[in-house]
Amino acid sequence: MRRRIVTINEQTCIGCGLCLPDCPTLALGIPDGKSRLLDDRLCDGCGACVSACPEGALRVTEREARPFDLCRAIGRVRSAGECAVRGLLAYLEGCGDEALLSRARDLLGTVPDEPAGPG
C-alpha cells in the first residue's frame, strides 16, 4: 500500500540520535551508527522526527510500505516504559483521531496516574 512514511538519507545522516526522542511510536533506532526506520509498520508518517534532524536527513514521503500497526507500536512503546506510553497517548490525543486514541487506550488498558510530586 502507498502511504506517508519517514525516509532517511543515509549519506546525510550523522547518527546523532536527535530524531529518536521525537518519534512517538519509537520507530527509529541507530543500530549501526545511522538513524534507521526499524520497522515500517511502526511509523505512522507523522513527521515529528523530521524537524529534529540538524542535517535534514529525514523527510516524510508517500511510498510503498506495510500498513501502520498500532498493536506493534504499542508493544514497542510499552516495553520502553510508562513515560513512553504517556508520550504515545499524548501524541494520539493531539492527532484528533478519536477512534485511534480509543483503540490505543483499549489496547493499553489502565495507565497509572502521574506520580505525586514532592510535597
PDB file of N, CA and C in Angstrom:
ATOM      1  N   MET A   1       0.838  -1.186   0.000  1.00  0.00           N
ATOM      2  CA  MET A   1       0.000   0.000   0.000  1.00  0.00           C
ATOM      3  C   MET A   1       0.880   1.245   0.000  1.00  0.00           C
ATOM      4  N   ARG A   2       0.404   2.306  -0.594  1.00  0.00           N
ATOM      5  CA  ARG A   2       1.129   3.587  -0.577  1.00  0.00           C
ATOM      6  C   ARG A   2       0.631   4.396   0.603  1.00  0.00           C
ATOM      7  N   ARG A   3       1.576   4.958   1.350  1.00  0.00           N
ATOM      8  CA  ARG A   3       1.209   5.801   2.487  1.00  0.00           C
ATOM      9  C   ARG A   3       2.389   6.680   2.861  1.00  0.00           C
ATOM     10  N   ARG A   4       2.108   7.663   3.729  1.00  0.00           N
ATOM     11  CA  ARG A   4       3.154   8.578   4.205  1.00  0.00           C
ATOM     12  C   ARG A   4       4.007   7.842   5.238  1.00  0.00           C
ATOM     13  N   ILE A   5       5.329   7.964   5.076  1.00  0.00           N
ATOM     14  CA  ILE A   5       6.260   7.282   5.973  1.00  0.00           C
ATOM     15  C   ILE A   5       7.610   8.002   5.925  1.00  0.00           C
ATOM     16  N   VAL A   6       8.352   7.930   7.001  1.00  0.00           N
ATOM     17  CA  VAL A   6       9.647   8.619   7.051  1.00  0.00           C
ATOM     18  C   VAL A   6      10.655   7.913   6.140  1.00  0.00           C
ATOM     19  N   THR A   7      11.483   8.722   5.504  1.00  0.00           N
ATOM     20  CA  THR A   7      12.586   8.239   4.681  1.00  0.00           C
ATOM     21  C   THR A   7      13.852   8.910   5.196  1.00  0.00           C
ATOM     22  N   ILE A   8      14.934   8.145   5.300  1.00  0.00           N
ATOM     23  CA  ILE A   8      16.185   8.660   5.851  1.00  0.00           C
ATOM     24  C   ILE A   8      17.278   8.591   4.794  1.00  0.00           C
ATOM     25  N   ASN A   9      17.944   9.715   4.579  1.00  0.00           N
ATOM     26  CA  ASN A   9      19.054   9.782   3.636  1.00  0.00           C
ATOM     27  C   ASN A   9      20.314   9.321   4.374  1.00  0.00           C
ATOM     28  N   GLU A  10      20.823   8.150   4.013  1.00  0.00           N
ATOM     29  CA  GLU A  10      21.987   7.582   4.689  1.00  0.00           C
ATOM     30  C   GLU A  10      23.246   8.429   4.515  1.00  0.00           C
ATOM     31  N   GLN A  11      23.374   9.101   3.391  1.00  0.00           N
ATOM     32  CA  GLN A  11      24.569   9.913   3.157  1.00  0.00           C
ATOM     33  C   GLN A  11      24.573  11.170   4.024  1.00  0.00           C
ATOM     34  N   THR A  12      23.405  11.678   4.357  1.00  0.00           N
ATOM     35  CA  THR A  12      23.303  12.912   5.129  1.00  0.00           C
ATOM     36  C   THR A  12      23.252  12.662   6.633  1.00  0.00           C
ATOM     37  N   CYS A  13      22.681  11.528   7.050  1.00  0.00           N
ATOM     38  CA  CYS A  13      22.534  11.216   8.476  1.00  0.00           C
ATOM     39  C   CYS A  13      23.898  11.084   9.142  1.00  0.00           C
ATOM     40  N   ILE A  14      24.056  11.774  10.276  1.00  0.00           N
ATOM     41  CA  ILE A  14      25.314  11.703  11.025  1.00  0.00           C
ATOM     42  C   ILE A  14      25.189  10.810  12.269  1.00  0.00           C
ATOM     43  N   GLY A  15      24.015  10.223  12.478  1.00  0.00           N
ATOM     44  CA  GLY A  15      23.828   9.309  13.595  1.00  0.00           C
ATOM     45  C   GLY A  15      23.784   9.968  14.950  1.00  0.00           C
ATOM     46  N   CYS A  16      23.371  11.220  15.011  1.00  0.00           N
ATOM     47  CA  CYS A  16      23.371  11.959  16.276  1.00  0.00           C
ATOM     48  C   CYS A  16      22.265  11.502  17.232  1.00  0.00           C
ATOM     49  N   GLY A  17      21.198  10.931  16.688  1.00  0.00           N
ATOM     50  CA  GLY A  17      20.108  10.440  17.522  1.00  0.00           C
ATOM     51  C   GLY A  17      19.098  11.478  17.961  1.00  0.00           C
ATOM     52  N   LEU A  18      19.215  12.699  17.493  1.00  0.00           N
ATOM     53  CA  LEU A  18      18.272  13.744  17.907  1.00  0.00           C
ATOM     54  C   LEU A  18      16.848  13.477  17.425  1.00  0.00           C
ATOM     55  N   CYS A  19      16.696  12.649  16.412  1.00  0.00           N
ATOM     56  CA  CYS A  19      15.371  12.318  15.892  1.00  0.00           C
ATOM     57  C   CYS A  19      14.635  11.311  16.781  1.00  0.00           C
ATOM     58  N   LEU A  20      15.360  10.508  17.516  1.00  0.00           N
ATOM     59  CA  LEU A  20      14.751   9.417  18.286  1.00  0.00           C
ATOM     60  C   LEU A  20      13.721   9.875  19.315  1.00  0.00           C
ATOM     61  N   PRO A  21      14.025  10.849  20.166  1.00  0.00           N
ATOM     62  CA  PRO A  21      13.042  11.225  21.188  1.00  0.00           C
ATOM     63  C   PRO A  21      11.747  11.815  20.633  1.00  0.00           C
ATOM     64  N   ASP A  22      11.782  12.318  19.407  1.00  0.00           N
ATOM     65  CA  ASP A  22      10.589  12.934  18.831  1.00  0.00           C
ATOM     66  C   ASP A  22       9.649  11.933  18.172  1.00  0.00           C
ATOM     67  N   CYS A  23      10.052  10.685  18.053  1.00  0.00           N
ATOM     68  CA  CYS A  23       9.223   9.668  17.412  1.00  0.00           C
ATOM     69  C   CYS A  23       8.313   9.029  18.461  1.00  0.00           C
ATOM     70  N   PRO A  24       7.006   9.321  18.408  1.00  0.00           N
ATOM     71  CA  PRO A  24       6.097   8.824  19.440  1.00  0.00           C
ATOM     72  C   PRO A  24       5.881   7.313  19.411  1.00  0.00           C
ATOM     73  N   THR A  25       6.180   6.675  18.285  1.00  0.00           N
ATOM     74  CA  THR A  25       5.983   5.232  18.184  1.00  0.00           C
ATOM     75  C   THR A  25       7.291   4.451  18.300  1.00  0.00           C
ATOM     76  N   LEU A  26       8.390   5.151  18.540  1.00  0.00           N
ATOM     77  CA  LEU A  26       9.718   4.543  18.680  1.00  0.00           C
ATOM     78  C   LEU A  26      10.093   3.717  17.457  1.00  0.00           C
ATOM     79  N   ALA A  27       9.753   4.235  16.284  1.00  0.00           N
ATOM     80  CA  ALA A  27      10.016   3.540  15.030  1.00  0.00           C
ATOM     81  C   ALA A  27      11.461   3.671  14.562  1.00  0.00           C
ATOM     82  N   LEU A  28      12.202   4.608  15.164  1.00  0.00           N
ATOM     83  CA  LEU A  28      13.581   4.858  14.738  1.00  0.00           C
ATOM     84  C   LEU A  28      14.580   4.286  15.726  1.00  0.00           C
ATOM     85  N   GLY A  29      15.740   3.956  15.212  1.00  0.00           N
ATOM     86  CA  GLY A  29      16.844   3.495  16.052  1.00  0.00           C
ATOM     87  C   GLY A  29      18.149   3.795  15.345  1.00  0.00           C
ATOM     88  N   ILE A  30      19.252   3.540  16.046  1.00  0.00           N
ATOM     89  CA  ILE A  30      20.577   3.738  15.453  1.00  0.00           C
ATOM     90  C   ILE A  30      21.364   2.444  15.645  1.00  0.00           C
ATOM     91  N   PRO A  31      21.015   1.409  14.890  1.00  0.00           N
ATOM     92  CA  PRO A  31      21.654   0.112  15.091  1.00  0.00           C
ATOM     93  C   PRO A  31      23.088   0.022  14.563  1.00  0.00           C
ATOM     94  N   ASP A  32      23.448   0.885  13.616  1.00  0.00           N
ATOM     95  CA  ASP A  32      24.775   0.789  13.008  1.00  0.00           C
ATOM     96  C   ASP A  32      25.402   2.153  12.748  1.00  0.00           C
ATOM     97  N   GLY A  33      25.129   3.094  13.638  1.00  0.00           N
ATOM     98  CA  GLY A  33      25.733   4.413  13.515  1.00  0.00           C
ATOM     99  C   GLY A  33      24.952   5.402  12.668  1.00  0.00           C
ATOM    100  N   LYS A  34      23.848   4.987  12.090  1.00  0.00           N
ATOM    101  CA  LYS A  34      22.979   5.855  11.297  1.00  0.00           C
ATOM    102  C   LYS A  34      21.546   5.629  11.759  1.00  0.00           C
ATOM    103  N   SER A  35      20.736   6.668  11.680  1.00  0.00           N
ATOM    104  CA  SER A  35      19.331   6.523  12.020  1.00  0.00           C
ATOM    105  C   SER A  35      18.671   5.594  11.009  1.00  0.00           C
ATOM    106  N   ARG A  36      17.846   4.701  11.517  1.00  0.00           N
ATOM    107  CA  ARG A  36      17.145   3.739  10.667  1.00  0.00           C
ATOM    108  C   ARG A  36      15.688   3.636  11.084  1.00  0.00           C
ATOM    109  N   LEU A  37      14.827   3.405  10.114  1.00  0.00           N
ATOM    110  CA  LEU A  37      13.450   3.049  10.388  1.00  0.00           C
ATOM    111  C   LEU A  37      13.487   1.562  10.715  1.00  0.00           C
ATOM    112  N   LEU A  38      13.212   1.217  11.959  1.00  0.00           N
ATOM    113  CA  LEU A  38      13.367  -0.158  12.419  1.00  0.00           C
ATOM    114  C   LEU A  38      12.324  -1.098  11.828  1.00  0.00           C
ATOM    115  N   ASP A  39      11.139  -0.587  11.614  1.00  0.00           N
ATOM    116  CA  ASP A  39      10.050  -1.397  11.072  1.00  0.00           C
ATOM    117  C   ASP A  39       9.026  -0.426  10.502  1.00  0.00           C
ATOM    118  N   ASP A  40       8.747  -0.513   9.213  1.00  0.00           N
ATOM    119  CA  ASP A  40       7.831   0.450   8.610  1.00  0.00           C
ATOM    120  C   ASP A  40       6.428   0.379   9.208  1.00  0.00           C
ATOM    121  N   ARG A  41       6.080  -0.726   9.847  1.00  0.00           N
ATOM    122  CA  ARG A  41       4.767  -0.835  10.485  1.00  0.00           C
ATOM    123  C   ARG A  41       4.667   0.013  11.745  1.00  0.00           C
ATOM    124  N   LEU A  42       5.820   0.460  12.272  1.00  0.00           N
ATOM    125  CA  LEU A  42       5.830   1.307  13.466  1.00  0.00           C
ATOM    126  C   LEU A  42       5.664   2.788  13.133  1.00  0.00           C
ATOM    127  N   CYS A  43       5.951   3.181  11.914  1.00  0.00           N
ATOM    128  CA  CYS A  43       5.906   4.594  11.526  1.00  0.00           C
ATOM    129  C   CYS A  43       4.525   4.959  10.993  1.00  0.00           C
ATOM    130  N   ASP A  44       3.909   5.962  11.617  1.00  0.00           N
ATOM    131  CA  ASP A  44       2.597   6.407  11.142  1.00  0.00           C
ATOM    132  C   ASP A  44       2.717   7.607  10.201  1.00  0.00           C
ATOM    133  N   GLY A  45       3.937   8.029   9.918  1.00  0.00           N
ATOM    134  CA  GLY A  45       4.146   9.116   8.961  1.00  0.00           C
ATOM    135  C   GLY A  45       3.883  10.503   9.503  1.00  0.00           C
ATOM    136  N   CYS A  46       3.890  10.661  10.826  1.00  0.00           N
ATOM    137  CA  CYS A  46       3.560  11.965  11.415  1.00  0.00           C
ATOM    138  C   CYS A  46       4.631  13.015  11.136  1.00  0.00           C
ATOM    139  N   GLY A  47       5.884  12.599  10.983  1.00  0.00           N
ATOM    140  CA  GLY A  47       6.955  13.536  10.676  1.00  0.00           C
ATOM    141  C   GLY A  47       7.530  14.283  11.859  1.00  0.00           C
ATOM    142  N   ALA A  48       7.194  13.885  13.081  1.00  0.00           N
ATOM    143  CA  ALA A  48       7.712  14.578  14.258  1.00  0.00           C
ATOM    144  C   ALA A  48       9.237  14.541  14.314  1.00  0.00           C
ATOM    145  N   CYS A  49       9.835  13.516  13.766  1.00  0.00           N
ATOM    146  CA  CYS A  49      11.285  13.358  13.787  1.00  0.00           C
ATOM    147  C   CYS A  49      12.002  14.293  12.818  1.00  0.00           C
ATOM    148  N   VAL A  50      11.326  14.719  11.779  1.00  0.00           N
ATOM    149  CA  VAL A  50      11.952  15.464  10.683  1.00  0.00           C
ATOM    150  C   VAL A  50      12.596  16.759  11.160  1.00  0.00           C
ATOM    151  N   SER A  51      11.872  17.540  11.939  1.00  0.00           N
ATOM    152  CA  SER A  51      12.402  18.845  12.358  1.00  0.00           C
ATOM    153  C   SER A  51      13.533  18.724  13.375  1.00  0.00           C
ATOM    154  N   ALA A  52      13.691  17.562  13.998  1.00  0.00           N
ATOM    155  CA  ALA A  52      14.759  17.378  14.981  1.00  0.00           C
ATOM    156  C   ALA A  52      16.115  17.129  14.337  1.00  0.00           C
ATOM    157  N   CYS A  53      16.131  16.784  13.067  1.00  0.00           N
ATOM    158  CA  CYS A  53      17.385  16.429  12.397  1.00  0.00           C
ATOM    159  C   CYS A  53      18.158  17.681  11.988  1.00  0.00           C
ATOM    160  N   PRO A  54      19.363  17.870  12.543  1.00  0.00           N
ATOM    161  CA  PRO A  54      20.149  19.060  12.197  1.00  0.00           C
ATOM    162  C   PRO A  54      20.731  19.009  10.780  1.00  0.00           C
ATOM    163  N   GLU A  55      20.725  17.834  10.169  1.00  0.00           N
ATOM    164  CA  GLU A  55      21.310  17.676   8.841  1.00  0.00           C
ATOM    165  C   GLU A  55      20.259  17.584   7.731  1.00  0.00           C
ATOM    166  N   GLY A  56      18.981  17.580   8.095  1.00  0.00           N
ATOM    167  CA  GLY A  56      17.927  17.459   7.093  1.00  0.00           C
ATOM    168  C   GLY A  56      17.882  16.094   6.425  1.00  0.00           C
ATOM    169  N   ALA A  57      18.309  15.063   7.139  1.00  0.00           N
ATOM    170  CA  ALA A  57      18.387  13.716   6.563  1.00  0.00           C
ATOM    171  C   ALA A  57      17.049  12.989   6.551  1.00  0.00           C
ATOM    172  N   LEU A  58      16.070  13.484   7.298  1.00  0.00           N
ATOM    173  CA  LEU A  58      14.779  12.817   7.374  1.00  0.00           C
ATOM    174  C   LEU A  58      13.717  13.625   6.648  1.00  0.00           C
ATOM    175  N   ARG A  59      12.825  12.919   6.002  1.00  0.00           N
ATOM    176  CA  ARG A  59      11.665  13.561   5.393  1.00  0.00           C
ATOM    177  C   ARG A  59      10.548  12.529   5.322  1.00  0.00           C
ATOM    178  N   VAL A  60       9.349  13.011   5.190  1.00  0.00           N
ATOM    179  CA  VAL A  60       8.198  12.128   5.041  1.00  0.00           C
ATOM    180  C   VAL A  60       7.824  12.115   3.575  1.00  0.00           C
ATOM    181  N   THR A  61       7.713  10.915   3.033  1.00  0.00           N
ATOM    182  CA  THR A  61       7.336  10.757   1.639  1.00  0.00           C
ATOM    183  C   THR A  61       6.179   9.766   1.544  1.00  0.00           C
ATOM    184  N   GLU A  62       5.502   9.805   0.430  1.00  0.00           N
ATOM    185  CA  GLU A  62       4.495   8.782   0.180  1.00  0.00           C
ATOM    186  C   GLU A  62       5.161   7.706  -0.656  1.00  0.00           C
ATOM    187  N   ARG A  63       5.116   6.488  -0.138  1.00  0.00           N
ATOM    188  CA  ARG A  63       5.753   5.376  -0.837  1.00  0.00           C
ATOM    189  C   ARG A  63       5.099   4.063  -0.420  1.00  0.00           C
ATOM    190  N   GLU A  64       5.512   3.006  -1.077  1.00  0.00           N
ATOM    191  CA  GLU A  64       5.022   1.680  -0.714  1.00  0.00           C
ATOM    192  C   GLU A  64       5.555   1.304   0.660  1.00  0.00           C
ATOM    193  N   ALA A  65       4.668   0.865   1.536  1.00  0.00           N
ATOM    194  CA  ALA A  65       5.047   0.425   2.871  1.00  0.00           C
ATOM    195  C   ALA A  65       3.921  -0.429   3.436  1.00  0.00           C
ATOM    196  N   ARG A  66       4.278  -1.275   4.363  1.00  0.00           N
ATOM    197  CA  ARG A  66       3.236  -2.056   5.043  1.00  0.00           C
ATOM    198  C   ARG A  66       2.381  -1.096   5.867  1.00  0.00           C
ATOM    199  N   PRO A  67       1.142  -1.454   6.150  1.00  0.00           N
ATOM    200  CA  PRO A  67       0.266  -0.565   6.926  1.00  0.00           C
ATOM    201  C   PRO A  67       0.810  -0.307   8.334  1.00  0.00           C
ATOM    202  N   PHE A  68       0.511   0.892   8.865  1.00  0.00           N
ATOM    203  CA  PHE A  68       0.849   1.206  10.254  1.00  0.00           C
ATOM    204  C   PHE A  68       0.150   0.190  11.149  1.00  0.00           C
ATOM    205  N   ASP A  69       0.868  -0.324  12.147  1.00  0.00           N
ATOM    206  CA  ASP A  69       0.340  -1.356  13.034  1.00  0.00           C
ATOM    207  C   ASP A  69       0.342  -0.821  14.466  1.00  0.00           C
ATOM    208  N   LEU A  70      -0.802  -0.319  14.905  1.00  0.00           N
ATOM    209  CA  LEU A  70      -0.908   0.260  16.239  1.00  0.00           C
ATOM    210  C   LEU A  70      -0.547  -0.757  17.320  1.00  0.00           C
ATOM    211  N   CYS A  71      -0.955  -2.007  17.159  1.00  0.00           N
ATOM    212  CA  CYS A  71      -0.636  -3.037  18.169  1.00  0.00           C
ATOM    213  C   CYS A  71       0.874  -3.220  18.292  1.00  0.00           C
ATOM    214  N   ARG A  72       1.567  -3.266  17.181  1.00  0.00           N
ATOM    215  CA  ARG A  72       3.029  -3.416  17.193  1.00  0.00           C
ATOM    216  C   ARG A  72       3.680  -2.188  17.839  1.00  0.00           C
ATOM    217  N   ALA A  73       3.191  -1.008  17.484  1.00  0.00           N
ATOM    218  CA  ALA A  73       3.744   0.227  18.059  1.00  0.00           C
ATOM    219  C   ALA A  73       3.524   0.255  19.568  1.00  0.00           C
ATOM    220  N   ILE A  74       2.347  -0.139  20.015  1.00  0.00           N
ATOM    221  CA  ILE A  74       2.064  -0.151  21.450  1.00  0.00           C
ATOM    222  C   ILE A  74       2.958  -1.150  22.162  1.00  0.00           C
ATOM    223  N   GLY A  75       3.194  -2.306  21.569  1.00  0.00           N
ATOM    224  CA  GLY A  75       4.102  -3.279  22.169  1.00  0.00           C
ATOM    225  C   GLY A  75       5.497  -2.711  22.357  1.00  0.00           C
ATOM    226  N   ARG A  76       5.974  -2.003  21.350  1.00  0.00           N
ATOM    227  CA  ARG A  76       7.317  -1.397  21.440  1.00  0.00           C
ATOM    228  C   ARG A  76       7.349  -0.295  22.490  1.00  0.00           C
ATOM    229  N   VAL A  77       6.331   0.546  22.482  1.00  0.00           N
ATOM    230  CA  VAL A  77       6.268   1.660  23.431  1.00  0.00           C
ATOM    231  C   VAL A  77       6.108   1.130  24.856  1.00  0.00           C
ATOM    232  N   ARG A  78       5.251   0.147  25.028  1.00  0.00           N
ATOM    233  CA  ARG A  78       5.043  -0.431  26.364  1.00  0.00           C
ATOM    234  C   ARG A  78       6.342  -0.997  26.933  1.00  0.00           C
ATOM    235  N   SER A  79       7.141  -1.640  26.093  1.00  0.00           N
ATOM    236  CA  SER A  79       8.401  -2.222  26.579  1.00  0.00           C
ATOM    237  C   SER A  79       9.418  -1.139  26.958  1.00  0.00           C
ATOM    238  N   ALA A  80       9.217   0.093  26.471  1.00  0.00           N
ATOM    239  CA  ALA A  80      10.122   1.198  26.790  1.00  0.00           C
ATOM    240  C   ALA A  80       9.754   1.879  28.109  1.00  0.00           C
ATOM    241  N   GLY A  81       8.581   1.567  28.651  1.00  0.00           N
ATOM    242  CA  GLY A  81       8.218   2.110  29.954  1.00  0.00           C
ATOM    243  C   GLY A  81       7.053   3.080  29.938  1.00  0.00           C
ATOM    244  N   GLU A  82       6.631   3.433  31.126  1.00  0.00           N
ATOM    245  CA  GLU A  82       5.451   4.266  31.318  1.00  0.00           C
ATOM    246  C   GLU A  82       5.569   5.635  30.661  1.00  0.00           C
ATOM    247  N   CYS A  83       6.736   6.224  30.704  1.00  0.00           N
ATOM    248  CA  CYS A  83       6.926   7.546  30.103  1.00  0.00           C
ATOM    249  C   CYS A  83       6.673   7.484  28.593  1.00  0.00           C
ATOM    250  N   ALA A  84       7.152   6.433  27.944  1.00  0.00           N
ATOM    251  CA  ALA A  84       6.935   6.271  26.503  1.00  0.00           C
ATOM    252  C   ALA A  84       5.452   6.052  26.197  1.00  0.00           C
ATOM    253  N   VAL A  85       4.769   5.308  27.060  1.00  0.00           N
ATOM    254  CA  VAL A  85       3.329   5.083  26.887  1.00  0.00           C
ATOM    255  C   VAL A  85       2.587   6.411  26.977  1.00  0.00           C
ATOM    256  N   ARG A  86       2.923   7.197  27.975  1.00  0.00           N
ATOM    257  CA  ARG A  86       2.284   8.509  28.126  1.00  0.00           C
ATOM    258  C   ARG A  86       2.558   9.407  26.920  1.00  0.00           C
ATOM    259  N   GLY A  87       3.771   9.339  26.400  1.00  0.00           N
ATOM    260  CA  GLY A  87       4.121  10.129  25.225  1.00  0.00           C
ATOM    261  C   GLY A  87       3.303   9.727  24.009  1.00  0.00           C
ATOM    262  N   LEU A  88       3.107   8.428  23.809  1.00  0.00           N
ATOM    263  CA  LEU A  88       2.301   7.966  22.688  1.00  0.00           C
ATOM    264  C   LEU A  88       0.856   8.424  22.843  1.00  0.00           C
ATOM    265  N   LEU A  89       0.307   8.291  24.037  1.00  0.00           N
ATOM    266  CA  LEU A  89      -1.078   8.720  24.257  1.00  0.00           C
ATOM    267  C   LEU A  89      -1.235  10.224  24.053  1.00  0.00           C
ATOM    268  N   ALA A  90      -0.271  10.995  24.525  1.00  0.00           N
ATOM    269  CA  ALA A  90      -0.326  12.451  24.330  1.00  0.00           C
ATOM    270  C   ALA A  90      -0.272  12.781  22.841  1.00  0.00           C
ATOM    271  N   TYR A  91       0.580  12.089  22.116  1.00  0.00           N
ATOM    272  CA  TYR A  91       0.670  12.291  20.673  1.00  0.00           C
ATOM    273  C   TYR A  91      -0.673  11.974  20.001  1.00  0.00           C
ATOM    274  N   LEU A  92      -1.255  10.830  20.346  1.00  0.00           N
ATOM    275  CA  LEU A  92      -2.523  10.426  19.742  1.00  0.00           C
ATOM    276  C   LEU A  92      -3.649  11.395  20.093  1.00  0.00           C
ATOM    277  N   GLU A  93      -3.633  11.930  21.304  1.00  0.00           N
ATOM    278  CA  GLU A  93      -4.631  12.927  21.690  1.00  0.00           C
ATOM    279  C   GLU A  93      -4.510  14.160  20.799  1.00  0.00           C
ATOM    280  N   GLY A  94      -3.289  14.564  20.521  1.00  0.00           N
ATOM    281  CA  GLY A  94      -3.049  15.739  19.686  1.00  0.00           C
ATOM    282  C   GLY A  94      -3.417  15.532  18.226  1.00  0.00           C
ATOM    283  N   CYS A  95      -3.440  14.282  17.773  1.00  0.00           N
ATOM    284  CA  CYS A  95      -3.785  13.984  16.374  1.00  0.00           C
ATOM    285  C   CYS A  95      -5.254  14.237  16.073  1.00  0.00           C
ATOM    286  N   GLY A  96      -6.075  14.124  17.091  1.00  0.00           N
ATOM    287  CA  GLY A  96      -7.503  14.351  16.895  1.00  0.00           C
ATOM    288  C   GLY A  96      -8.258  13.166  16.318  1.00  0.00           C
ATOM    289  N   ASP A  97      -7.612  12.014  16.189  1.00  0.00           N
ATOM    290  CA  ASP A  97      -8.278  10.812  15.689  1.00  0.00           C
ATOM    291  C   ASP A  97      -8.795  10.036  16.891  1.00  0.00           C
ATOM    292  N   GLU A  98     -10.033  10.336  17.272  1.00  0.00           N
ATOM    293  CA  GLU A  98     -10.616   9.744  18.482  1.00  0.00           C
ATOM    294  C   GLU A  98     -10.693   8.228  18.413  1.00  0.00           C
ATOM    295  N   ALA A  99     -10.959   7.679  17.243  1.00  0.00           N
ATOM    296  CA  ALA A  99     -11.052   6.224  17.102  1.00  0.00           C
ATOM    297  C   ALA A  99      -9.699   5.568  17.380  1.00  0.00           C
ATOM    298  N   LEU A 100      -8.627   6.147  16.844  1.00  0.00           N
ATOM    299  CA  LEU A 100      -7.290   5.604  17.067  1.00  0.00           C
ATOM    300  C   LEU A 100      -6.893   5.742  18.531  1.00  0.00           C
ATOM    301  N   LEU A 101      -7.193   6.880  19.136  1.00  0.00           N
ATOM    302  CA  LEU A 101      -6.891   7.093  20.550  1.00  0.00           C
ATOM    303  C   LEU A 101      -7.665   6.103  21.413  1.00  0.00           C
ATOM    304  N   SER A 102      -8.918   5.913  21.125  1.00  0.00           N
ATOM    305  CA  SER A 102      -9.739   4.974  21.886  1.00  0.00           C
ATOM    306  C   SER A 102      -9.205   3.550  21.763  1.00  0.00           C
ATOM    307  N   ARG A 103      -8.821   3.174  20.553  1.00  0.00           N
ATOM    308  CA  ARG A 103      -8.257   1.833  20.341  1.00  0.00           C
ATOM    309  C   ARG A 103      -6.956   1.669  21.108  1.00  0.00           C
ATOM    310  N   ALA A 104      -6.111   2.697  21.097  1.00  0.00           N
ATOM    311  CA  ALA A 104      -4.848   2.628  21.828  1.00  0.00           C
ATOM    312  C   ALA A 104      -5.105   2.483  23.325  1.00  0.00           C
ATOM    313  N   ARG A 105      -6.031   3.244  23.840  1.00  0.00           N
ATOM    314  CA  ARG A 105      -6.354   3.140  25.268  1.00  0.00           C
ATOM    315  C   ARG A 105      -6.870   1.747  25.611  1.00  0.00           C
ATOM    316  N   ASP A 106      -7.715   1.195  24.742  1.00  0.00           N
ATOM    317  CA  ASP A 106      -8.230  -0.160  24.970  1.00  0.00           C
ATOM    318  C   ASP A 106      -7.097  -1.179  24.976  1.00  0.00           C
ATOM    319  N   LEU A 107      -6.167  -1.046  24.032  1.00  0.00           N
ATOM    320  CA  LEU A 107      -5.054  -1.981  23.938  1.00  0.00           C
ATOM    321  C   LEU A 107      -4.091  -1.851  25.115  1.00  0.00           C
ATOM    322  N   LEU A 108      -3.936  -0.629  25.608  1.00  0.00           N
ATOM    323  CA  LEU A 108      -3.010  -0.387  26.715  1.00  0.00           C
ATOM    324  C   LEU A 108      -3.600  -0.734  28.074  1.00  0.00           C
ATOM    325  N   GLY A 109      -4.913  -0.678  28.176  1.00  0.00           N
ATOM    326  CA  GLY A 109      -5.520  -0.879  29.479  1.00  0.00           C
ATOM    327  C   GLY A 109      -5.317   0.373  30.313  1.00  0.00           C
ATOM    328  N   THR A 110      -5.293   0.216  31.604  1.00  0.00           N
ATOM    329  CA  THR A 110      -5.180   1.359  32.514  1.00  0.00           C
ATOM    330  C   THR A 110      -3.732   1.831  32.578  1.00  0.00           C
ATOM    331  N   VAL A 111      -3.545   3.122  32.410  1.00  0.00           N
ATOM    332  CA  VAL A 111      -2.225   3.737  32.574  1.00  0.00           C
ATOM    333  C   VAL A 111      -2.256   4.461  33.899  1.00  0.00           C
ATOM    334  N   PRO A 112      -1.327   4.147  34.809  1.00  0.00           N
ATOM    335  CA  PRO A 112      -1.340   4.786  36.126  1.00  0.00           C
ATOM    336  C   PRO A 112      -1.242   6.299  36.027  1.00  0.00           C
ATOM    337  N   ASP A 113      -1.806   6.987  37.020  1.00  0.00           N
ATOM    338  CA  ASP A 113      -1.703   8.429  37.088  1.00  0.00           C
ATOM    339  C   ASP A 113      -0.257   8.830  37.310  1.00  0.00           C
ATOM    340  N   GLU A 114       0.028  10.091  36.983  1.00  0.00           N
ATOM    341  CA  GLU A 114       1.375  10.626  37.230  1.00  0.00           C
ATOM    342  C   GLU A 114       1.691  10.503  38.717  1.00  0.00           C
ATOM    343  N   PRO A 115       2.939  10.170  39.039  1.00  0.00           N
ATOM    344  CA  PRO A 115       3.301  10.121  40.456  1.00  0.00           C
ATOM    345  C   PRO A 115       3.195  11.494  41.092  1.00  0.00           C
ATOM    346  N   ALA A 116       2.843  11.521  42.339  1.00  0.00           N
ATOM    347  CA  ALA A 116       2.715  12.790  43.062  1.00  0.00           C
ATOM    348  C   ALA A 116       4.096  13.406  43.210  1.00  0.00           C
ATOM    349  N   GLY A 117       4.138  14.713  43.062  1.00  0.00           N
ATOM    350  CA  GLY A 117       5.398  15.442  43.227  1.00  0.00           C
ATOM    351  C   GLY A 117       5.749  15.589  44.681  1.00  0.00           C
ATOM    352  N   PRO A 118       6.922  16.119  44.987  1.00  0.00           N
ATOM    353  CA  PRO A 118       7.301  16.316  46.395  1.00  0.00           C
ATOM    354  C   PRO A 118       6.347  17.269  47.074  1.00  0.00           C
ATOM    355  N   GLY A 119       6.117  16.967  48.297  1.00  0.00           N
ATOM    356  CA  GLY A 119       5.275  17.839  48.834  1.00  0.00           C
ATOM    357  C   GLY A 119       4.575  18.115  49.943  1.00  0.00           C
TER     358      GLY A 119
END
